[in-house]
C-alpha atoms as a PDB file:
ATOM      1  CA  MET A   1      98.770 111.387  76.509  1.00  0.00           C
ATOM      2  CA  LYS A   2      98.443 108.692  79.187  1.00  0.00           C
ATOM      3  CA  LYS A   3      97.798 110.018  82.670  1.00  0.00           C
ATOM      4  CA  LEU A   4      99.826 108.614  85.627  1.00  0.00           C
ATOM      5  CA  PHE A   5      98.645 108.194  89.191  1.00  0.00           C
ATOM      6  CA  LEU A   6     100.076 107.526  92.572  1.00  0.00           C
ATOM      7  CA  ILE A   7      97.902 105.375  94.828  1.00  0.00           C
ATOM      8  CA  ILE A   8      97.855 107.537  97.976  1.00  0.00           C
ATOM      9  CA  LEU A   9      94.572 108.402  99.770  1.00  0.00           C
ATOM     10  CA  SER A  10      92.673 108.587 103.148  1.00  0.00           C
ATOM     11  CA  VAL A  11      93.556 108.530 106.848  1.00  0.00           C
ATOM     12  CA  SER A  12      93.301 105.938 109.659  1.00  0.00           C
ATOM     13  CA  THR A  13      94.358 105.943 113.319  1.00  0.00           C
ATOM     14  CA  LEU A  14      95.300 103.258 115.850  1.00  0.00           C
ATOM     15  CA  ILE A  15      95.586 103.906 119.552  1.00  0.00           C
ATOM     16  CA  PHE A  16      97.475 101.957 122.256  1.00  0.00           C
ATOM     17  CA  ALA A  17      97.984 102.551 125.988  1.00  0.00           C
ATOM     18  CA  THR A  18     101.357 103.020 127.626  1.00  0.00           C
ATOM     19  CA  ASN A  19     100.773 103.987 131.242  1.00  0.00           C
ATOM     20  CA  ALA A  20      98.363 105.822 133.566  1.00  0.00           C
ATOM     21  CA  GLN A  21      98.195 108.425 136.330  1.00  0.00           C
ATOM     22  CA  SER A  22      95.566 110.315 138.418  1.00  0.00           C
ATOM     23  CA  THR A  23      94.283 113.866 137.611  1.00  0.00           C
ATOM     24  CA  SER A  24      91.756 116.176 139.150  1.00  0.00           C
ATOM     25  CA  ASN A  25      89.369 115.954 136.206  1.00  0.00           C
ATOM     26  CA  CYS A  26      89.398 112.173 135.864  1.00  0.00           C
ATOM     27  CA  LYS A  27      89.847 109.388 138.373  1.00  0.00           C
ATOM     28  CA  GLN A  28      92.599 107.939 136.251  1.00  0.00           C
ATOM     29  CA  THR A  29      94.062 108.979 132.957  1.00  0.00           C
ATOM     30  CA  CYS A  30      96.198 107.063 130.476  1.00  0.00           C
ATOM     31  CA  GLU A  31      98.918 108.404 128.268  1.00  0.00           C
ATOM     32  CA  VAL A  32      98.239 107.054 124.786  1.00  0.00           C
ATOM     33  CA  THR A  33     100.191 107.095 121.617  1.00  0.00           C
ATOM     34  CA  LYS A  34      98.328 107.373 118.339  1.00  0.00           C
ATOM     35  CA  ILE A  35      99.872 105.709 115.320  1.00  0.00           C
ATOM     36  CA  VAL A  36      98.550 108.038 112.625  1.00  0.00           C
ATOM     37  CA  GLU A  37      98.667 106.485 109.138  1.00  0.00           C
ATOM     38  CA  GLU A  38      97.942 108.898 106.329  1.00  0.00           C
ATOM     39  CA  GLY A  39      97.007 107.728 102.860  1.00  0.00           C
ATOM     40  CA  PRO A  40      96.312 104.131 101.797  1.00  0.00           C
ATOM     41  CA  PHE A  41      99.448 103.512  99.765  1.00  0.00           C
ATOM     42  CA  LEU A  42      99.767 100.547  97.413  1.00  0.00           C
ATOM     43  CA  GLY A  43     103.170 101.838  96.368  1.00  0.00           C
ATOM     44  CA  VAL A  44     102.897 101.880  92.566  1.00  0.00           C
ATOM     45  CA  GLN A  45     102.689 104.447  89.815  1.00  0.00           C
ATOM     46  CA  VAL A  46     100.307 103.382  87.079  1.00  0.00           C
ATOM     47  CA  GLN A  47      99.049 104.275  83.620  1.00  0.00           C
ATOM     48  CA  ASN A  48      96.188 102.920  81.526  1.00  0.00           C
ATOM     49  CA  GLY A  49      96.807  99.333  80.612  1.00  0.00           C
ATOM     50  CA  PRO A  50      96.811  97.750  77.154  1.00  0.00           C
ATOM     51  CA  CYS A  51      93.992  99.165  74.961  1.00  0.00           C
ATOM     52  CA  ASN A  52      93.209 101.590  77.755  1.00  0.00           C
ATOM     53  CA  HIS A  53      91.809  98.772  79.895  1.00  0.00           C
ATOM     54  CA  SER A  54      93.142  97.781  83.355  1.00  0.00           C
ATOM     55  CA  ALA A  55      96.099  99.582  84.950  1.00  0.00           C
ATOM     56  CA  GLN A  56      99.783  98.961  84.225  1.00  0.00           C
ATOM     57  CA  ILE A  57     102.583  99.470  86.703  1.00  0.00           C
ATOM     58  CA  ILE A  58     105.353 101.807  85.522  1.00  0.00           C
ATOM     59  CA  LYS A  59     107.067 102.312  88.861  1.00  0.00           C
ATOM     60  CA  VAL A  60     107.262 100.346  92.187  1.00  0.00           C
ATOM     61  CA  PHE A  61     108.252 102.444  95.225  1.00  0.00           C
ATOM     62  CA  ALA A  62     110.795 100.986  97.650  1.00  0.00           C
ATOM     63  CA  ALA A  63     109.703  99.686 101.076  1.00  0.00           C
ATOM     64  CA  THR A  64     105.959  99.673 100.159  1.00  0.00           C
ATOM     65  CA  ALA A  65     103.271  97.072 100.032  1.00  0.00           C
ATOM     66  CA  ALA A  66     103.816  96.623  96.317  1.00  0.00           C
ATOM     67  CA  GLU A  67     107.551  95.952  96.689  1.00  0.00           C
ATOM     68  CA  LYS A  68     106.998  93.576  99.560  1.00  0.00           C
ATOM     69  CA  THR A  69     104.435  91.700  97.476  1.00  0.00           C
ATOM     70  CA  GLY A  70     106.831  91.443  94.552  1.00  0.00           C
ATOM     71  CA  PHE A  71     105.045  93.534  91.927  1.00  0.00           C
ATOM     72  CA  GLN A  72     107.211  94.440  88.904  1.00  0.00           C
ATOM     73  CA  LEU A  73     107.286  97.031  86.154  1.00  0.00           C
ATOM     74  CA  GLY A  74     104.924  96.109  83.415  1.00  0.00           C
ATOM     75  CA  ASP A  75     102.515  94.120  85.588  1.00  0.00           C
ATOM     76  CA  VAL A  76      98.989  94.761  84.633  1.00  0.00           C
ATOM     77  CA  ILE A  77      96.441  94.949  87.402  1.00  0.00           C
ATOM     78  CA  VAL A  78      93.064  93.682  86.249  1.00  0.00           C
ATOM     79  CA  GLN A  79      91.104  93.039  89.440  1.00  0.00           C
ATOM     80  CA  VAL A  80      90.988  94.034  93.155  1.00  0.00           C
ATOM     81  CA  ASP A  81      88.990  91.541  95.185  1.00  0.00           C
ATOM     82  CA  GLU A  82      85.801  90.964  93.110  1.00  0.00           C
ATOM     83  CA  THR A  83      85.994  94.282  91.236  1.00  0.00           C
ATOM     84  CA  THR A  84      87.365  94.382  87.637  1.00  0.00           C
ATOM     85  CA  VAL A  85      89.747  97.296  87.033  1.00  0.00           C
ATOM     86  CA  THR A  86      88.787  99.220  83.947  1.00  0.00           C
ATOM     87  CA  ASN A  87      91.566 101.871  83.908  1.00  0.00           C
ATOM     88  CA  ASN A  88      94.038 103.780  86.098  1.00  0.00           C
ATOM     89  CA  TYR A  89      91.318 106.127  87.341  1.00  0.00           C
ATOM     90  CA  HIS A  90      89.248 103.185  88.483  1.00  0.00           C
ATOM     91  CA  LEU A  91      92.200 101.558  90.365  1.00  0.00           C
ATOM     92  CA  VAL A  92      92.845 104.791  92.238  1.00  0.00           C
ATOM     93  CA  SER A  93      89.162 104.885  93.153  1.00  0.00           C
ATOM     94  CA  ILE A  94      89.140 101.294  94.383  1.00  0.00           C
ATOM     95  CA  ILE A  95      92.243 101.755  96.582  1.00  0.00           C
ATOM     96  CA  GLY A  96      90.729 104.969  97.902  1.00  0.00           C
ATOM     97  CA  THR A  97      87.814 103.071  99.468  1.00  0.00           C
ATOM     98  CA  HIS A  98      90.281 101.267 101.746  1.00  0.00           C
ATOM     99  CA  LYS A  99      92.426 102.367 104.630  1.00  0.00           C
ATOM    100  CA  PRO A 100      96.000 101.516 105.637  1.00  0.00           C
ATOM    101  CA  GLY A 101      96.141  97.990 107.010  1.00  0.00           C
ATOM    102  CA  ASP A 102      93.280  96.628 104.906  1.00  0.00           C
ATOM    103  CA  LYS A 103      94.018  93.429 102.932  1.00  0.00           C
ATOM    104  CA  VAL A 104      92.966  93.049  99.375  1.00  0.00           C
ATOM    105  CA  LEU A 105      93.359  90.311  96.743  1.00  0.00           C
ATOM    106  CA  ILE A 106      94.917  91.711  93.534  1.00  0.00           C
ATOM    107  CA  THR A 107      94.790  89.915  90.278  1.00  0.00           C
ATOM    108  CA  TYR A 108      97.464  90.861  87.727  1.00  0.00           C
ATOM    109  CA  VAL A 109      98.976  89.702  84.454  1.00  0.00           C
ATOM    110  CA  ARG A 110     102.726  89.295  84.016  1.00  0.00           C
ATOM    111  CA  ASP A 111     104.171  88.154  80.652  1.00  0.00           C
ATOM    112  CA  GLY A 112     100.762  86.781  79.661  1.00  0.00           C
ATOM    113  CA  VAL A 113     100.311  84.758  82.848  1.00  0.00           C
ATOM    114  CA  THR A 114      97.565  85.678  85.307  1.00  0.00           C
ATOM    115  CA  ALA A 115      98.394  85.543  89.037  1.00  0.00           C
ATOM    116  CA  THR A 116      96.946  86.720  92.327  1.00  0.00           C
ATOM    117  CA  ALA A 117      98.528  88.276  95.426  1.00  0.00           C
ATOM    118  CA  LYS A 118      97.125  89.146  98.826  1.00  0.00           C
ATOM    119  CA  VAL A 119      98.266  92.643  99.646  1.00  0.00           C
ATOM    120  CA  ARG A 120      98.193  94.563 102.918  1.00  0.00           C
ATOM    121  CA  ILE A 121      97.678  98.180 101.906  1.00  0.00           C
ATOM    122  CA  GLY A 122     100.355 100.420 103.530  1.00  0.00           C
ATOM    123  CA  ALA A 123     100.398 104.084 104.389  1.00  0.00           C
ATOM    124  CA  LYS A 124     102.198 106.971 102.744  1.00  0.00           C
ATOM    125  CA  THR A 125     103.242 108.414 106.095  1.00  0.00           C
ATOM    126  CA  THR A 126     103.139 107.138 109.675  1.00  0.00           C
ATOM    127  CA  LYS A 127     103.753 109.217 112.781  1.00  0.00           C
ATOM    128  CA  PHE A 128     103.224 108.969 116.506  1.00  0.00           C
ATOM    129  CA  VAL A 129     101.209 111.459 118.622  1.00  0.00           C
ATOM    130  CA  THR A 130     101.056 111.180 122.445  1.00  0.00           C
ATOM    131  CA  GLU A 131      98.259 112.571 124.552  1.00  0.00           C
ATOM    132  CA  LYS A 132      96.366 111.901 127.784  1.00  0.00           C
ATOM    133  CA  VAL A 133      92.774 110.529 127.851  1.00  0.00           C
ATOM    134  CA  CYS A 134      90.479 109.004 130.457  1.00  0.00           C
ATOM    135  CA  CYS A 135      91.378 105.361 130.932  1.00  0.00           C
ATOM    136  CA  ASP A 136      87.696 104.404 130.364  1.00  0.00           C
ATOM    137  CA  GLU A 137      88.167 105.472 126.735  1.00  0.00           C
ATOM    138  CA  VAL A 138      91.186 103.195 126.326  1.00  0.00           C
ATOM    139  CA  LYS A 139      89.340 100.255 127.845  1.00  0.00           C
ATOM    140  CA  ASN A 140      86.757 100.509 125.105  1.00  0.00           C
ATOM    141  CA  ASN A 141      89.512  99.980 122.456  1.00  0.00           C
ATOM    142  CA  LEU A 142      90.580  96.566 121.298  1.00  0.00           C
ATOM    143  CA  VAL A 143      94.187  97.725 121.453  1.00  0.00           C
ATOM    144  CA  SER A 144      96.231  96.544 124.452  1.00  0.00           C
ATOM    145  CA  THR A 145      99.718  95.867 125.719  1.00  0.00           C
ATOM    146  CA  ASP A 146      98.473  93.433 128.415  1.00  0.00           C
ATOM    147  CA  GLY A 147      98.360  90.330 126.249  1.00  0.00           C
ATOM    148  CA  LEU A 148     101.709  90.841 124.489  1.00  0.00           C
ATOM    149  CA  LEU A 149     105.068  89.510 125.681  1.00  0.00           C
ATOM    150  CA  LEU A 150     108.359  90.724 124.177  1.00  0.00           C
ATOM    151  CA  PHE A 151     111.497  89.132 125.502  1.00  0.00           C
ATOM    152  CA  PRO A 152     114.261  89.901 126.008  1.00  0.00           C
ATOM    153  CA  ASN A 153     113.401  93.599 126.096  1.00  0.00           C
ATOM    154  CA  PRO A 154     115.768  95.485 125.858  1.00  0.00           C
ATOM    155  CA  THR A 155     117.462  93.185 123.376  1.00  0.00           C
ATOM    156  CA  THR A 156     120.493  93.208 121.094  1.00  0.00           C
ATOM    157  CA  ASP A 157     119.952  90.759 118.208  1.00  0.00           C
ATOM    158  CA  LYS A 158     116.624  89.009 118.411  1.00  0.00           C
ATOM    159  CA  VAL A 159     113.216  89.233 120.138  1.00  0.00           C
ATOM    160  CA  SER A 160     110.631  86.538 120.857  1.00  0.00           C
ATOM    161  CA  ILE A 161     106.979  87.695 120.542  1.00  0.00           C
ATOM    162  CA  LYS A 162     104.198  85.817 122.272  1.00  0.00           C
ATOM    163  CA  THR A 163     100.552  86.543 122.923  1.00  0.00           C
ATOM    164  CA  LYS A 164      98.812  85.329 126.054  1.00  0.00           C
ATOM    165  CA  GLU A 165      95.540  84.729 124.144  1.00  0.00           C
ATOM    166  CA  ALA A 166      94.937  82.672 121.065  1.00  0.00           C
ATOM    167  CA  ILE A 167      94.716  84.455 117.704  1.00  0.00           C
ATOM    168  CA  GLU A 168      93.127  82.649 114.791  1.00  0.00           C
ATOM    169  CA  GLY A 169      93.653  83.332 111.157  1.00  0.00           C
ATOM    170  CA  ASP A 170      95.902  85.908 109.507  1.00  0.00           C
ATOM    171  CA  VAL A 171      98.210  87.720 111.952  1.00  0.00           C
ATOM    172  CA  THR A 172     100.256  90.781 110.953  1.00  0.00           C
ATOM    173  CA  ILE A 173     103.472  91.679 112.703  1.00  0.00           C
ATOM    174  CA  SER A 174     104.779  95.212 112.162  1.00  0.00           C
ATOM    175  CA  ILE A 175     107.709  97.044 113.727  1.00  0.00           C
ATOM    176  CA  TYR A 176     108.066 100.837 113.435  1.00  0.00           C
ATOM    177  CA  ASN A 177     110.869 103.149 114.340  1.00  0.00           C
ATOM    178  CA  LEU A 178     110.009 106.390 116.090  1.00  0.00           C
ATOM    179  CA  GLU A 179     109.978 108.275 112.805  1.00  0.00           C
ATOM    180  CA  GLY A 180     106.928 106.201 111.871  1.00  0.00           C
ATOM    181  CA  LYS A 181     108.703 104.100 109.230  1.00  0.00           C
ATOM    182  CA  GLU A 182     107.646 100.472 109.100  1.00  0.00           C
ATOM    183  CA  VAL A 183     111.041  98.595 109.328  1.00  0.00           C
ATOM    184  CA  TYR A 184     109.678  95.074 109.596  1.00  0.00           C
ATOM    185  CA  PHE A 185     106.497  93.367 108.314  1.00  0.00           C
ATOM    186  CA  ASP A 186     105.333  89.815 108.214  1.00  0.00           C
ATOM    187  CA  THR A 187     102.031  87.948 107.950  1.00  0.00           C
ATOM    188  CA  LYS A 188     101.373  84.533 109.479  1.00  0.00           C
ATOM    189  CA  VAL A 189      98.480  82.137 109.398  1.00  0.00           C
ATOM    190  CA  ASN A 190      98.119  81.423 113.059  1.00  0.00           C
ATOM    191  CA  THR A 191      96.237  78.998 115.275  1.00  0.00           C
ATOM    192  CA  GLY A 192      96.455  79.367 119.019  1.00  0.00           C
ATOM    193  CA  GLN A 193      98.907  81.672 120.795  1.00  0.00           C
ATOM    194  CA  LEU A 194     101.306  83.578 118.592  1.00  0.00           C
ATOM    195  CA  ASN A 195     104.885  82.548 119.356  1.00  0.00           C
ATOM    196  CA  THR A 196     107.605  83.687 117.005  1.00  0.00           C
ATOM    197  CA  THR A 197     111.151  85.046 117.067  1.00  0.00           C
ATOM    198  CA  ILE A 198     112.448  87.939 114.897  1.00  0.00           C
ATOM    199  CA  ASP A 199     116.085  88.545 113.906  1.00  0.00           C
ATOM    200  CA  LEU A 200     117.041  92.145 114.726  1.00  0.00           C
ATOM    201  CA  THR A 201     120.715  92.057 113.745  1.00  0.00           C
ATOM    202  CA  SER A 202     120.094  94.645 111.010  1.00  0.00           C
ATOM    203  CA  PHE A 203     118.356  97.022 113.416  1.00  0.00           C
ATOM    204  CA  THR A 204     120.128 100.043 114.762  1.00  0.00           C
ATOM    205  CA  ALA A 205     120.018 100.853 118.486  1.00  0.00           C
ATOM    206  CA  GLY A 206     116.901 102.721 119.532  1.00  0.00           C
ATOM    207  CA  GLU A 207     113.300 102.528 120.508  1.00  0.00           C
ATOM    208  CA  TYR A 208     110.694 100.786 118.335  1.00  0.00           C
ATOM    209  CA  VAL A 209     106.945 100.079 118.376  1.00  0.00           C
ATOM    210  CA  VAL A 210     105.721  96.504 117.810  1.00  0.00           C
ATOM    211  CA  ARG A 211     102.141  96.019 116.571  1.00  0.00           C
ATOM    212  CA  ILE A 212     100.372  92.683 116.300  1.00  0.00           C
ATOM    213  CA  SER A 213      97.009  92.712 114.560  1.00  0.00           C
ATOM    214  CA  GLY A 214      94.507  90.030 113.626  1.00  0.00           C
ATOM    215  CA  MET A 215      90.787  89.461 113.529  1.00  0.00           C
ATOM    216  CA  ASN A 216      89.294  91.748 116.265  1.00  0.00           C
ATOM    217  CA  THR A 217      92.768  91.834 117.937  1.00  0.00           C
ATOM    218  CA  ASN A 218      95.379  94.576 118.180  1.00  0.00           C
ATOM    219  CA  TYR A 219      98.424  94.531 120.558  1.00  0.00           C
ATOM    220  CA  THR A 220     101.182  97.130 120.652  1.00  0.00           C
ATOM    221  CA  ASP A 221     104.217  97.608 122.885  1.00  0.00           C
ATOM    222  CA  LYS A 222     107.563  99.341 122.876  1.00  0.00           C
ATOM    223  CA  LEU A 223     110.745  97.460 122.020  1.00  0.00           C
ATOM    224  CA  PHE A 224     114.230  98.713 122.937  1.00  0.00           C
ATOM    225  CA  VAL A 225     117.239  97.625 120.912  1.00  0.00           C
ATOM    226  CA  SER A 226     120.773  98.169 122.175  1.00  0.00           C
ATOM    227  CA  LYS A 227     124.045  97.429 120.375  1.00  0.00           C
END
């Protein structure tokens, strides 16, 4: 009998600062919110591929990295980055070495044609945890709100996103609702300051978290949508 696997493993955490205040134990503290992502999640269910080599997709989960990439039932994954996939166990092991947010190059075969796709590994679950820490700890993080501009904010139907500093290379734009669900995702090849506008007409009223990440750069801030 062929064994089936869900690609769900590991834990990673991202921290961003929201505001600060004085306390008796520390000159200044910051209230921080942790975006806790649990389980690198490719978003597919797989079985051994043809002749028990590679890994064949038998289910693609909605709103996951796999669906956003366009993987389909029957696709056969043969390689992740430079590593050749030997079976479904091996694919699980390879994905397990990564964390949510990592980008991998997946080689797959569809209807006899070999293709590649760059995939940003997602997370099975995402939640927000707020706590207070000494501001010095926050300063040592690469995560900041200072260099990110969201306007208008609050907004009703669209938001312009701009960074004060230049970001080179691949830039990931993610928007989460307060339940931790990623409701928007896009990747751009950027040179200079990021300057883009996102259509929010399909968003419901509420509070969201915007995250911009690139090479050695992470920005986050809160976005308020009213209808």
